[in-house]
Amino acid sequence: MDAETGHVLEKINPDNWVLDLGCGYGRLIPDIAQKAKIVIGVDKSMSSLMLAKEKLKTIRNHALFRMNAIKLAFKDMVFDVVLCVQNGISAFHVNPKTLIKESIRVTKPKGKVLFSTYSEKFWNHRLKWFQIQADAGLLGKIDYTKTGNGVIVCKDGFRATTMRKEQFIELTSEFDVNIEIVEVDQSSLFCEITVL
């Protein structure tokens, strides 16, 4: 998480309006708020947003909204930077191409959209973390007969996936954007989209 946060902060300037998709309890917002003009966090979970509201009450340059990331209630070309980190592109369980399209729509020309997923090099750490969560009863037991190739499947039906470089390239191919795929700290793979 620290490596992802550091990488994201490098992309933010003091005059930027930043959108954090799937902001959860606001874990990134304090760091972003120190660099950006304003940061808007959106999430579908009201309980997460309530936690964020309490956690972030002393931070003035932020706002939180309950919103679906594939149906954003913002006008076109509002944000300088749009973030969807911590494998949100897979964890949201929405059509990834629709999520990318909507993210691009709300981003200004020359703005950045950053998606991250887990690096293949991080597989053993990721699997161990899921096993710890399963052992604690936070997820169903891992079905090791169906788990592999970047996908973790639990016996309760939960499924966690990741994206590969080739998938990011395919998903962004129809949009008028430039992309760069960057690996950070051998743990995260970023698809960095520059809107034209």
N, C-alpha and C. Protein backbone atom coordinates (compact mmCIF):
# COMPACT_ATOMS: atom_id res chain seq x y z
N MET A 1 0.82 -1.19 0.00
CA MET A 1 0.00 0.00 0.00
C MET A 1 0.86 1.26 0.00
N ASP A 2 1.95 1.24 0.77
CA ASP A 2 2.82 2.42 0.82
C ASP A 2 3.43 2.71 -0.55
N ALA A 3 3.85 1.67 -1.25
CA ALA A 3 4.45 1.87 -2.57
C ALA A 3 3.42 2.43 -3.55
N GLU A 4 2.20 1.90 -3.51
CA GLU A 4 1.13 2.42 -4.37
C GLU A 4 0.85 3.88 -4.05
N THR A 5 0.73 4.19 -2.77
CA THR A 5 0.42 5.56 -2.36
C THR A 5 1.52 6.51 -2.83
N GLY A 6 2.77 6.14 -2.63
CA GLY A 6 3.88 6.97 -3.08
C GLY A 6 3.85 7.21 -4.57
N HIS A 7 3.55 6.17 -5.33
CA HIS A 7 3.48 6.30 -6.79
C HIS A 7 2.35 7.24 -7.21
N VAL A 8 1.20 7.10 -6.58
CA VAL A 8 0.05 7.95 -6.88
C VAL A 8 0.37 9.41 -6.57
N LEU A 9 0.97 9.66 -5.43
CA LEU A 9 1.27 11.04 -5.01
C LEU A 9 2.21 11.75 -5.98
N GLU A 10 3.09 10.99 -6.64
CA GLU A 10 3.98 11.58 -7.64
C GLU A 10 3.22 12.17 -8.82
N LYS A 11 2.00 11.71 -9.05
CA LYS A 11 1.20 12.13 -10.22
C LYS A 11 0.29 13.33 -9.92
N ILE A 12 0.28 13.80 -8.66
CA ILE A 12 -0.67 14.83 -8.24
C ILE A 12 0.05 16.15 -8.03
N ASN A 13 -0.54 17.23 -8.55
CA ASN A 13 -0.02 18.59 -8.40
C ASN A 13 -0.93 19.40 -7.48
N PRO A 14 -0.43 20.50 -6.91
CA PRO A 14 -1.21 21.28 -5.94
C PRO A 14 -2.52 21.87 -6.46
N ASP A 15 -2.65 22.08 -7.76
CA ASP A 15 -3.89 22.65 -8.31
C ASP A 15 -4.87 21.57 -8.80
N ASN A 16 -4.58 20.32 -8.56
CA ASN A 16 -5.38 19.21 -9.11
C ASN A 16 -6.66 18.92 -8.31
N TRP A 17 -7.69 18.60 -9.08
CA TRP A 17 -8.90 18.00 -8.53
C TRP A 17 -8.75 16.50 -8.75
N VAL A 18 -8.87 15.73 -7.67
CA VAL A 18 -8.60 14.29 -7.72
C VAL A 18 -9.87 13.53 -7.33
N LEU A 19 -10.18 12.48 -8.06
CA LEU A 19 -11.30 11.59 -7.76
C LEU A 19 -10.74 10.24 -7.34
N ASP A 20 -11.14 9.79 -6.16
CA ASP A 20 -10.71 8.49 -5.63
C ASP A 20 -11.90 7.53 -5.70
N LEU A 21 -11.88 6.62 -6.67
CA LEU A 21 -12.95 5.65 -6.86
C LEU A 21 -12.78 4.51 -5.87
N GLY A 22 -13.85 4.15 -5.18
CA GLY A 22 -13.77 3.09 -4.18
C GLY A 22 -12.92 3.53 -3.01
N CYS A 23 -13.19 4.72 -2.51
CA CYS A 23 -12.34 5.32 -1.46
C CYS A 23 -12.44 4.58 -0.13
N GLY A 24 -13.48 3.74 0.05
CA GLY A 24 -13.61 2.99 1.29
C GLY A 24 -13.69 3.91 2.49
N TYR A 25 -12.93 3.60 3.51
CA TYR A 25 -12.95 4.40 4.73
C TYR A 25 -12.02 5.62 4.63
N GLY A 26 -11.51 5.90 3.44
CA GLY A 26 -10.72 7.11 3.21
C GLY A 26 -9.24 6.96 3.44
N ARG A 27 -8.71 5.75 3.30
CA ARG A 27 -7.31 5.50 3.64
C ARG A 27 -6.33 6.36 2.85
N LEU A 28 -6.61 6.69 1.58
CA LEU A 28 -5.69 7.49 0.77
C LEU A 28 -5.94 8.99 0.87
N ILE A 29 -7.12 9.37 1.28
CA ILE A 29 -7.53 10.77 1.19
C ILE A 29 -6.63 11.72 2.00
N PRO A 30 -6.21 11.39 3.22
CA PRO A 30 -5.32 12.34 3.93
C PRO A 30 -4.04 12.67 3.17
N ASP A 31 -3.41 11.66 2.58
CA ASP A 31 -2.18 11.89 1.82
C ASP A 31 -2.46 12.69 0.55
N ILE A 32 -3.53 12.35 -0.15
CA ILE A 32 -3.87 13.07 -1.38
C ILE A 32 -4.22 14.53 -1.07
N ALA A 33 -4.98 14.74 0.01
CA ALA A 33 -5.42 16.09 0.38
C ALA A 33 -4.25 17.01 0.68
N GLN A 34 -3.12 16.45 1.12
CA GLN A 34 -1.94 17.27 1.37
C GLN A 34 -1.29 17.78 0.08
N LYS A 35 -1.55 17.08 -1.03
CA LYS A 35 -0.93 17.46 -2.31
C LYS A 35 -1.88 18.14 -3.27
N ALA A 36 -3.16 17.81 -3.22
CA ALA A 36 -4.13 18.26 -4.22
C ALA A 36 -4.92 19.48 -3.73
N LYS A 37 -5.55 20.15 -4.67
CA LYS A 37 -6.46 21.25 -4.30
C LYS A 37 -7.69 20.69 -3.60
N ILE A 38 -8.27 19.65 -4.20
CA ILE A 38 -9.43 18.98 -3.60
C ILE A 38 -9.42 17.51 -3.99
N VAL A 39 -9.91 16.67 -3.10
CA VAL A 39 -10.05 15.24 -3.40
C VAL A 39 -11.48 14.84 -3.09
N ILE A 40 -12.08 14.17 -4.05
CA ILE A 40 -13.44 13.65 -3.92
C ILE A 40 -13.35 12.14 -3.82
N GLY A 41 -13.92 11.58 -2.77
CA GLY A 41 -13.96 10.13 -2.61
C GLY A 41 -15.36 9.62 -2.85
N VAL A 42 -15.47 8.56 -3.65
CA VAL A 42 -16.77 7.93 -3.89
C VAL A 42 -16.68 6.45 -3.55
N ASP A 43 -17.78 5.92 -3.05
CA ASP A 43 -17.85 4.51 -2.71
C ASP A 43 -19.32 4.12 -2.70
N LYS A 44 -19.62 2.85 -2.93
CA LYS A 44 -21.01 2.36 -2.86
C LYS A 44 -21.43 2.01 -1.44
N SER A 45 -20.46 1.80 -0.57
CA SER A 45 -20.75 1.34 0.79
C SER A 45 -20.98 2.52 1.73
N MET A 46 -22.21 2.65 2.23
CA MET A 46 -22.52 3.73 3.17
C MET A 46 -21.75 3.55 4.47
N SER A 47 -21.58 2.31 4.94
CA SER A 47 -20.85 2.11 6.20
C SER A 47 -19.39 2.54 6.05
N SER A 48 -18.77 2.26 4.91
CA SER A 48 -17.40 2.72 4.67
C SER A 48 -17.33 4.24 4.64
N LEU A 49 -18.30 4.86 3.98
CA LEU A 49 -18.31 6.32 3.90
C LEU A 49 -18.52 6.96 5.26
N MET A 50 -19.31 6.33 6.12
CA MET A 50 -19.52 6.86 7.47
C MET A 50 -18.22 6.78 8.27
N LEU A 51 -17.48 5.70 8.11
CA LEU A 51 -16.16 5.60 8.76
C LEU A 51 -15.22 6.68 8.22
N ALA A 52 -15.26 6.89 6.91
CA ALA A 52 -14.42 7.92 6.30
C ALA A 52 -14.79 9.30 6.81
N LYS A 53 -16.06 9.57 6.92
CA LYS A 53 -16.52 10.88 7.40
C LYS A 53 -15.93 11.18 8.78
N GLU A 54 -15.95 10.19 9.66
CA GLU A 54 -15.40 10.36 11.00
C GLU A 54 -13.87 10.52 10.96
N LYS A 55 -13.22 9.68 10.19
CA LYS A 55 -11.76 9.70 10.10
C LYS A 55 -11.23 11.00 9.51
N LEU A 56 -11.98 11.57 8.57
CA LEU A 56 -11.49 12.71 7.79
C LEU A 56 -12.06 14.05 8.23
N LYS A 57 -12.69 14.10 9.40
CA LYS A 57 -13.42 15.32 9.79
C LYS A 57 -12.54 16.55 9.93
N THR A 58 -11.25 16.41 10.10
CA THR A 58 -10.37 17.58 10.20
C THR A 58 -9.77 17.99 8.86
N ILE A 59 -10.04 17.24 7.82
CA ILE A 59 -9.49 17.56 6.48
C ILE A 59 -10.53 18.36 5.72
N ARG A 60 -10.18 19.58 5.37
CA ARG A 60 -11.15 20.51 4.76
C ARG A 60 -11.31 20.34 3.24
N ASN A 61 -10.26 19.97 2.55
CA ASN A 61 -10.32 19.96 1.08
C ASN A 61 -10.71 18.59 0.51
N HIS A 62 -11.77 18.03 1.08
CA HIS A 62 -12.27 16.75 0.55
C HIS A 62 -13.79 16.74 0.63
N ALA A 63 -14.37 15.84 -0.13
CA ALA A 63 -15.81 15.57 -0.07
C ALA A 63 -16.01 14.08 -0.35
N LEU A 64 -17.07 13.53 0.22
CA LEU A 64 -17.40 12.12 0.06
C LEU A 64 -18.80 11.98 -0.51
N PHE A 65 -18.97 11.02 -1.41
CA PHE A 65 -20.28 10.77 -2.01
C PHE A 65 -20.51 9.27 -2.16
N ARG A 66 -21.73 8.87 -1.93
CA ARG A 66 -22.11 7.49 -2.23
C ARG A 66 -22.48 7.45 -3.71
N MET A 67 -21.74 6.63 -4.45
CA MET A 67 -21.90 6.66 -5.90
C MET A 67 -21.36 5.37 -6.51
N ASN A 68 -21.95 4.98 -7.62
CA ASN A 68 -21.50 3.84 -8.40
C ASN A 68 -20.40 4.31 -9.35
N ALA A 69 -19.26 3.67 -9.33
CA ALA A 69 -18.11 4.09 -10.14
C ALA A 69 -18.35 3.99 -11.64
N ILE A 70 -19.34 3.21 -12.07
CA ILE A 70 -19.62 3.14 -13.52
C ILE A 70 -20.78 4.04 -13.94
N LYS A 71 -21.34 4.78 -12.98
CA LYS A 71 -22.40 5.76 -13.27
C LYS A 71 -22.15 7.00 -12.42
N LEU A 72 -21.05 7.67 -12.68
CA LEU A 72 -20.66 8.82 -11.88
C LEU A 72 -21.56 10.02 -12.15
N ALA A 73 -21.93 10.71 -11.12
CA ALA A 73 -22.83 11.87 -11.23
C ALA A 73 -22.04 13.16 -11.40
N PHE A 74 -20.98 13.12 -12.18
CA PHE A 74 -20.17 14.29 -12.45
C PHE A 74 -20.25 14.62 -13.94
N LYS A 75 -20.07 15.90 -14.26
CA LYS A 75 -20.02 16.31 -15.65
C LYS A 75 -18.75 15.77 -16.30
N ASP A 76 -18.68 15.87 -17.61
CA ASP A 76 -17.49 15.47 -18.35
C ASP A 76 -16.31 16.38 -17.98
N MET A 77 -15.12 15.83 -18.01
CA MET A 77 -13.86 16.58 -17.92
C MET A 77 -13.77 17.46 -16.67
N VAL A 78 -14.00 16.89 -15.50
CA VAL A 78 -13.96 17.63 -14.23
C VAL A 78 -12.63 17.45 -13.51
N PHE A 79 -12.05 16.27 -13.57
CA PHE A 79 -10.92 15.91 -12.71
C PHE A 79 -9.59 15.89 -13.47
N ASP A 80 -8.54 16.27 -12.74
CA ASP A 80 -7.19 16.20 -13.29
C ASP A 80 -6.61 14.80 -13.14
N VAL A 81 -6.97 14.13 -12.06
CA VAL A 81 -6.48 12.78 -11.78
C VAL A 81 -7.65 11.94 -11.25
N VAL A 82 -7.82 10.75 -11.81
CA VAL A 82 -8.81 9.78 -11.33
C VAL A 82 -8.05 8.54 -10.91
N LEU A 83 -8.33 8.07 -9.69
CA LEU A 83 -7.63 6.92 -9.13
C LEU A 83 -8.57 5.74 -8.91
N CYS A 84 -8.10 4.58 -9.24
CA CYS A 84 -8.79 3.34 -8.91
C CYS A 84 -7.69 2.34 -8.56
N VAL A 85 -7.27 2.38 -7.29
CA VAL A 85 -6.11 1.60 -6.86
C VAL A 85 -6.53 0.42 -6.01
N GLN A 86 -5.53 -0.33 -5.57
CA GLN A 86 -5.75 -1.52 -4.74
C GLN A 86 -6.65 -2.54 -5.44
N ASN A 87 -6.41 -2.72 -6.73
CA ASN A 87 -7.11 -3.72 -7.53
C ASN A 87 -8.61 -3.46 -7.67
N GLY A 88 -9.00 -2.18 -7.55
CA GLY A 88 -10.42 -1.83 -7.70
C GLY A 88 -11.00 -2.25 -9.03
N ILE A 89 -10.19 -2.23 -10.08
CA ILE A 89 -10.70 -2.60 -11.40
C ILE A 89 -11.25 -4.03 -11.40
N SER A 90 -10.74 -4.88 -10.55
CA SER A 90 -11.27 -6.24 -10.40
C SER A 90 -12.20 -6.36 -9.20
N ALA A 91 -11.84 -5.69 -8.11
CA ALA A 91 -12.59 -5.85 -6.86
C ALA A 91 -14.00 -5.26 -6.92
N PHE A 92 -14.23 -4.27 -7.79
CA PHE A 92 -15.56 -3.66 -7.88
C PHE A 92 -16.59 -4.60 -8.49
N HIS A 93 -16.14 -5.63 -9.20
CA HIS A 93 -17.03 -6.59 -9.86
C HIS A 93 -17.99 -5.89 -10.81
N VAL A 94 -17.42 -5.00 -11.63
CA VAL A 94 -18.18 -4.33 -12.70
C VAL A 94 -17.43 -4.60 -14.00
N ASN A 95 -18.05 -4.25 -15.11
CA ASN A 95 -17.39 -4.41 -16.40
C ASN A 95 -16.19 -3.46 -16.44
N PRO A 96 -14.96 -3.99 -16.55
CA PRO A 96 -13.78 -3.12 -16.50
C PRO A 96 -13.73 -2.09 -17.62
N LYS A 97 -14.21 -2.44 -18.81
CA LYS A 97 -14.19 -1.48 -19.92
C LYS A 97 -15.14 -0.32 -19.63
N THR A 98 -16.28 -0.62 -19.03
CA THR A 98 -17.23 0.43 -18.65
C THR A 98 -16.62 1.34 -17.58
N LEU A 99 -15.92 0.76 -16.63
CA LEU A 99 -15.26 1.52 -15.57
C LEU A 99 -14.19 2.44 -16.17
N ILE A 100 -13.40 1.94 -17.09
CA ILE A 100 -12.38 2.75 -17.75
C ILE A 100 -13.02 3.88 -18.54
N LYS A 101 -14.05 3.55 -19.30
CA LYS A 101 -14.74 4.57 -20.12
C LYS A 101 -15.29 5.69 -19.25
N GLU A 102 -15.92 5.35 -18.15
CA GLU A 102 -16.51 6.36 -17.26
C GLU A 102 -15.42 7.19 -16.59
N SER A 103 -14.31 6.57 -16.24
CA SER A 103 -13.18 7.29 -15.64
C SER A 103 -12.59 8.29 -16.62
N ILE A 104 -12.45 7.87 -17.86
CA ILE A 104 -11.93 8.77 -18.90
C ILE A 104 -12.90 9.93 -19.13
N ARG A 105 -14.19 9.65 -19.12
CA ARG A 105 -15.20 10.68 -19.36
C ARG A 105 -15.08 11.85 -18.39
N VAL A 106 -14.81 11.57 -17.13
CA VAL A 106 -14.78 12.64 -16.12
C VAL A 106 -13.40 13.27 -15.97
N THR A 107 -12.44 12.84 -16.78
CA THR A 107 -11.06 13.34 -16.70
C THR A 107 -10.83 14.41 -17.77
N LYS A 108 -10.16 15.48 -17.36
CA LYS A 108 -9.83 16.57 -18.28
C LYS A 108 -8.82 16.11 -19.33
N PRO A 109 -8.80 16.77 -20.49
CA PRO A 109 -7.74 16.48 -21.45
C PRO A 109 -6.37 16.69 -20.80
N LYS A 110 -5.45 15.82 -21.08
CA LYS A 110 -4.11 15.76 -20.50
C LYS A 110 -4.11 15.30 -19.05
N GLY A 111 -5.30 14.94 -18.54
CA GLY A 111 -5.40 14.41 -17.19
C GLY A 111 -4.99 12.95 -17.15
N LYS A 112 -4.86 12.42 -15.94
CA LYS A 112 -4.40 11.04 -15.74
C LYS A 112 -5.48 10.20 -15.07
N VAL A 113 -5.59 8.96 -15.52
CA VAL A 113 -6.40 7.95 -14.86
C VAL A 113 -5.45 6.83 -14.47
N LEU A 114 -5.46 6.46 -13.20
CA LEU A 114 -4.53 5.44 -12.71
C LEU A 114 -5.30 4.25 -12.16
N PHE A 115 -5.10 3.11 -12.77
CA PHE A 115 -5.65 1.85 -12.28
C PHE A 115 -4.50 0.99 -11.80
N SER A 116 -4.67 0.34 -10.66
CA SER A 116 -3.64 -0.59 -10.22
C SER A 116 -4.24 -1.96 -9.97
N THR A 117 -3.40 -2.94 -10.11
CA THR A 117 -3.75 -4.32 -9.81
C THR A 117 -2.50 -4.95 -9.20
N TYR A 118 -2.61 -6.17 -8.77
CA TYR A 118 -1.46 -6.86 -8.18
C TYR A 118 -0.51 -7.34 -9.26
N SER A 119 0.76 -7.20 -9.00
CA SER A 119 1.78 -7.76 -9.88
C SER A 119 1.78 -9.28 -9.74
N GLU A 120 2.12 -9.96 -10.83
CA GLU A 120 2.26 -11.41 -10.76
C GLU A 120 3.34 -11.81 -9.77
N LYS A 121 4.32 -10.94 -9.56
CA LYS A 121 5.41 -11.23 -8.62
C LYS A 121 4.94 -11.22 -7.17
N PHE A 122 3.75 -10.70 -6.94
CA PHE A 122 3.21 -10.56 -5.58
C PHE A 122 2.28 -11.72 -5.21
N TRP A 123 2.17 -12.70 -6.10
CA TRP A 123 1.19 -13.78 -5.94
C TRP A 123 1.28 -14.48 -4.57
N ASN A 124 2.45 -14.90 -4.17
CA ASN A 124 2.59 -15.66 -2.91
C ASN A 124 2.15 -14.83 -1.70
N HIS A 125 2.50 -13.55 -1.69
CA HIS A 125 2.08 -12.66 -0.59
C HIS A 125 0.57 -12.48 -0.58
N ARG A 126 0.02 -12.30 -1.76
CA ARG A 126 -1.43 -12.10 -1.90
C ARG A 126 -2.20 -13.34 -1.45
N LEU A 127 -1.76 -14.50 -1.89
CA LEU A 127 -2.42 -15.75 -1.51
C LEU A 127 -2.33 -15.97 0.00
N LYS A 128 -1.18 -15.66 0.58
CA LYS A 128 -1.02 -15.79 2.03
C LYS A 128 -1.98 -14.87 2.76
N TRP A 129 -2.14 -13.62 2.28
CA TRP A 129 -3.06 -12.66 2.91
C TRP A 129 -4.50 -13.17 2.84
N PHE A 130 -4.89 -13.72 1.71
CA PHE A 130 -6.25 -14.27 1.58
C PHE A 130 -6.43 -15.47 2.51
N GLN A 131 -5.39 -16.29 2.66
CA GLN A 131 -5.48 -17.44 3.57
C GLN A 131 -5.67 -16.97 5.01
N ILE A 132 -4.96 -15.92 5.41
CA ILE A 132 -5.12 -15.35 6.75
C ILE A 132 -6.56 -14.86 6.95
N GLN A 133 -7.11 -14.20 5.94
CA GLN A 133 -8.50 -13.72 6.03
C GLN A 133 -9.48 -14.89 6.10
N ALA A 134 -9.23 -15.93 5.32
CA ALA A 134 -10.09 -17.11 5.35
C ALA A 134 -10.02 -17.80 6.72
N ASP A 135 -8.80 -17.92 7.27
CA ASP A 135 -8.62 -18.54 8.59
C ASP A 135 -9.34 -17.75 9.68
N ALA A 136 -9.44 -16.44 9.50
CA ALA A 136 -10.11 -15.58 10.48
C ALA A 136 -11.63 -15.54 10.28
N GLY A 137 -12.12 -16.24 9.24
CA GLY A 137 -13.56 -16.28 8.98
C GLY A 137 -14.08 -15.06 8.23
N LEU A 138 -13.19 -14.26 7.68
CA LEU A 138 -13.61 -13.07 6.93
C LEU A 138 -14.00 -13.41 5.50
N LEU A 139 -13.55 -14.54 5.02
CA LEU A 139 -13.92 -15.07 3.69
C LEU A 139 -14.18 -16.56 3.85
N GLY A 140 -14.74 -17.13 2.80
CA GLY A 140 -14.89 -18.59 2.81
C GLY A 140 -13.53 -19.25 2.62
N LYS A 141 -13.48 -20.55 2.83
CA LYS A 141 -12.23 -21.29 2.63
C LYS A 141 -11.81 -21.19 1.17
N ILE A 142 -10.51 -21.10 0.95
CA ILE A 142 -9.98 -20.99 -0.41
C ILE A 142 -10.09 -22.35 -1.09
N ASP A 143 -10.60 -22.33 -2.31
CA ASP A 143 -10.69 -23.53 -3.12
C ASP A 143 -9.42 -23.61 -3.96
N TYR A 144 -8.44 -24.35 -3.46
CA TYR A 144 -7.15 -24.41 -4.13
C TYR A 144 -7.20 -25.16 -5.46
N THR A 145 -8.27 -25.91 -5.73
CA THR A 145 -8.38 -26.57 -7.03
C THR A 145 -8.74 -25.57 -8.13
N LYS A 146 -9.33 -24.43 -7.76
CA LYS A 146 -9.72 -23.41 -8.74
C LYS A 146 -8.88 -22.15 -8.63
N THR A 147 -7.98 -22.09 -7.67
CA THR A 147 -7.15 -20.90 -7.44
C THR A 147 -5.84 -21.04 -8.19
N GLY A 148 -5.46 -19.97 -8.89
CA GLY A 148 -4.21 -19.94 -9.64
C GLY A 148 -4.29 -18.94 -10.76
N ASN A 149 -3.18 -18.66 -11.41
CA ASN A 149 -3.13 -17.73 -12.54
C ASN A 149 -3.68 -16.35 -12.18
N GLY A 150 -3.40 -15.87 -10.97
CA GLY A 150 -3.86 -14.54 -10.57
C GLY A 150 -5.27 -14.50 -10.02
N VAL A 151 -5.95 -15.65 -9.97
CA VAL A 151 -7.34 -15.70 -9.51
C VAL A 151 -7.41 -16.50 -8.21
N ILE A 152 -8.09 -15.93 -7.22
CA ILE A 152 -8.32 -16.63 -5.96
C ILE A 152 -9.82 -16.90 -5.86
N VAL A 153 -10.18 -18.16 -5.67
CA VAL A 153 -11.58 -18.56 -5.59
C VAL A 153 -11.83 -19.19 -4.22
N CYS A 154 -12.89 -18.71 -3.58
CA CYS A 154 -13.26 -19.28 -2.28
C CYS A 154 -14.48 -20.17 -2.45
N LYS A 155 -14.64 -21.11 -1.53
CA LYS A 155 -15.75 -22.07 -1.62
C LYS A 155 -17.11 -21.42 -1.39
N ASP A 156 -17.14 -20.20 -0.84
CA ASP A 156 -18.40 -19.50 -0.66
C ASP A 156 -18.81 -18.69 -1.89
N GLY A 157 -18.01 -18.82 -2.98
CA GLY A 157 -18.32 -18.12 -4.23
C GLY A 157 -17.53 -16.84 -4.45
N PHE A 158 -16.84 -16.34 -3.42
CA PHE A 158 -16.03 -15.14 -3.58
C PHE A 158 -14.91 -15.42 -4.58
N ARG A 159 -14.64 -14.45 -5.43
CA ARG A 159 -13.62 -14.60 -6.47
C ARG A 159 -12.85 -13.29 -6.58
N ALA A 160 -11.53 -13.34 -6.48
CA ALA A 160 -10.67 -12.17 -6.60
C ALA A 160 -9.76 -12.37 -7.81
N THR A 161 -9.79 -11.43 -8.72
CA THR A 161 -8.99 -11.53 -9.94
C THR A 161 -7.98 -10.38 -9.99
N THR A 162 -7.14 -10.41 -10.98
CA THR A 162 -6.19 -9.33 -11.25
C THR A 162 -6.19 -9.08 -12.75
N MET A 163 -5.46 -8.06 -13.17
CA MET A 163 -5.29 -7.74 -14.58
C MET A 163 -3.83 -7.92 -14.95
N ARG A 164 -3.61 -8.31 -16.17
CA ARG A 164 -2.26 -8.38 -16.70
C ARG A 164 -2.06 -7.23 -17.69
N LYS A 165 -0.82 -6.98 -18.01
CA LYS A 165 -0.47 -5.90 -18.95
C LYS A 165 -1.29 -6.01 -20.24
N GLU A 166 -1.36 -7.21 -20.79
CA GLU A 166 -2.07 -7.42 -22.06
C GLU A 166 -3.56 -7.10 -21.92
N GLN A 167 -4.14 -7.39 -20.77
CA GLN A 167 -5.55 -7.08 -20.54
C GLN A 167 -5.78 -5.58 -20.48
N PHE A 168 -4.89 -4.85 -19.81
CA PHE A 168 -5.01 -3.39 -19.77
C PHE A 168 -4.91 -2.80 -21.18
N ILE A 169 -3.99 -3.32 -21.96
CA ILE A 169 -3.82 -2.82 -23.33
C ILE A 169 -5.09 -3.08 -24.14
N GLU A 170 -5.64 -4.27 -24.02
CA GLU A 170 -6.89 -4.61 -24.73
C GLU A 170 -8.04 -3.73 -24.27
N LEU A 171 -8.18 -3.54 -22.97
CA LEU A 171 -9.31 -2.76 -22.43
C LEU A 171 -9.28 -1.30 -22.83
N THR A 172 -8.10 -0.76 -23.07
CA THR A 172 -7.98 0.66 -23.40
C THR A 172 -7.82 0.93 -24.89
N SER A 173 -7.77 -0.11 -25.70
CA SER A 173 -7.43 0.03 -27.12
C SER A 173 -8.42 0.88 -27.92
N GLU A 174 -9.67 0.92 -27.53
CA GLU A 174 -10.65 1.67 -28.33
C GLU A 174 -10.79 3.14 -27.93
N PHE A 175 -10.07 3.55 -26.89
CA PHE A 175 -10.18 4.92 -26.41
C PHE A 175 -9.05 5.79 -26.95
N ASP A 176 -9.33 7.08 -27.09
CA ASP A 176 -8.35 8.04 -27.59
C ASP A 176 -7.47 8.49 -26.43
N VAL A 177 -6.55 7.62 -26.04
CA VAL A 177 -5.70 7.85 -24.87
C VAL A 177 -4.30 7.30 -25.14
N ASN A 178 -3.37 7.74 -24.35
CA ASN A 178 -2.05 7.11 -24.29
C ASN A 178 -1.99 6.31 -23.00
N ILE A 179 -1.38 5.14 -23.05
CA ILE A 179 -1.23 4.36 -21.82
C ILE A 179 0.22 3.97 -21.61
N GLU A 180 0.52 3.80 -20.35
CA GLU A 180 1.82 3.29 -19.95
C GLU A 180 1.56 2.28 -18.84
N ILE A 181 2.21 1.13 -18.92
CA ILE A 181 2.09 0.11 -17.88
C ILE A 181 3.37 0.15 -17.06
N VAL A 182 3.20 0.35 -15.74
CA VAL A 182 4.34 0.53 -14.85
C VAL A 182 4.21 -0.43 -13.67
N GLU A 183 5.28 -1.16 -13.40
CA GLU A 183 5.30 -2.01 -12.21
C GLU A 183 5.95 -1.23 -11.07
N VAL A 184 5.32 -1.28 -9.90
CA VAL A 184 5.79 -0.54 -8.73
C VAL A 184 6.12 -1.54 -7.62
N ASP A 185 7.35 -1.52 -7.16
CA ASP A 185 7.78 -2.28 -5.99
C ASP A 185 7.53 -3.79 -6.10
N GLN A 186 7.47 -4.31 -7.30
CA GLN A 186 7.19 -5.73 -7.54
C GLN A 186 5.91 -6.20 -6.84
N SER A 187 5.01 -5.25 -6.54
CA SER A 187 3.76 -5.62 -5.89
C SER A 187 2.55 -5.14 -6.67
N SER A 188 2.68 -4.02 -7.37
CA SER A 188 1.55 -3.44 -8.08
C SER A 188 1.88 -3.21 -9.54
N LEU A 189 0.87 -3.38 -10.37
CA LEU A 189 0.98 -3.06 -11.79
C LEU A 189 0.00 -1.92 -12.05
N PHE A 190 0.51 -0.80 -12.55
CA PHE A 190 -0.33 0.36 -12.84
C PHE A 190 -0.56 0.48 -14.33
N CYS A 191 -1.80 0.74 -14.68
CA CYS A 191 -2.15 1.19 -16.02
C CYS A 191 -2.38 2.69 -15.90
N GLU A 192 -1.47 3.46 -16.49
CA GLU A 192 -1.54 4.92 -16.40
C GLU A 192 -2.04 5.45 -17.73
N ILE A 193 -3.23 6.03 -17.69
CA ILE A 193 -3.90 6.53 -18.88
C ILE A 193 -3.78 8.04 -18.92
N THR A 194 -3.31 8.58 -20.04
CA THR A 194 -3.32 10.02 -20.26
C THR A 194 -4.40 10.31 -21.29
N VAL A 195 -5.37 11.13 -20.88
CA VAL A 195 -6.49 11.47 -21.77
C VAL A 195 -6.00 12.50 -22.79
N LEU A 196 -6.31 12.27 -24.05
CA LEU A 196 -5.89 13.20 -25.12
C LEU A 196 -6.92 14.29 -25.35
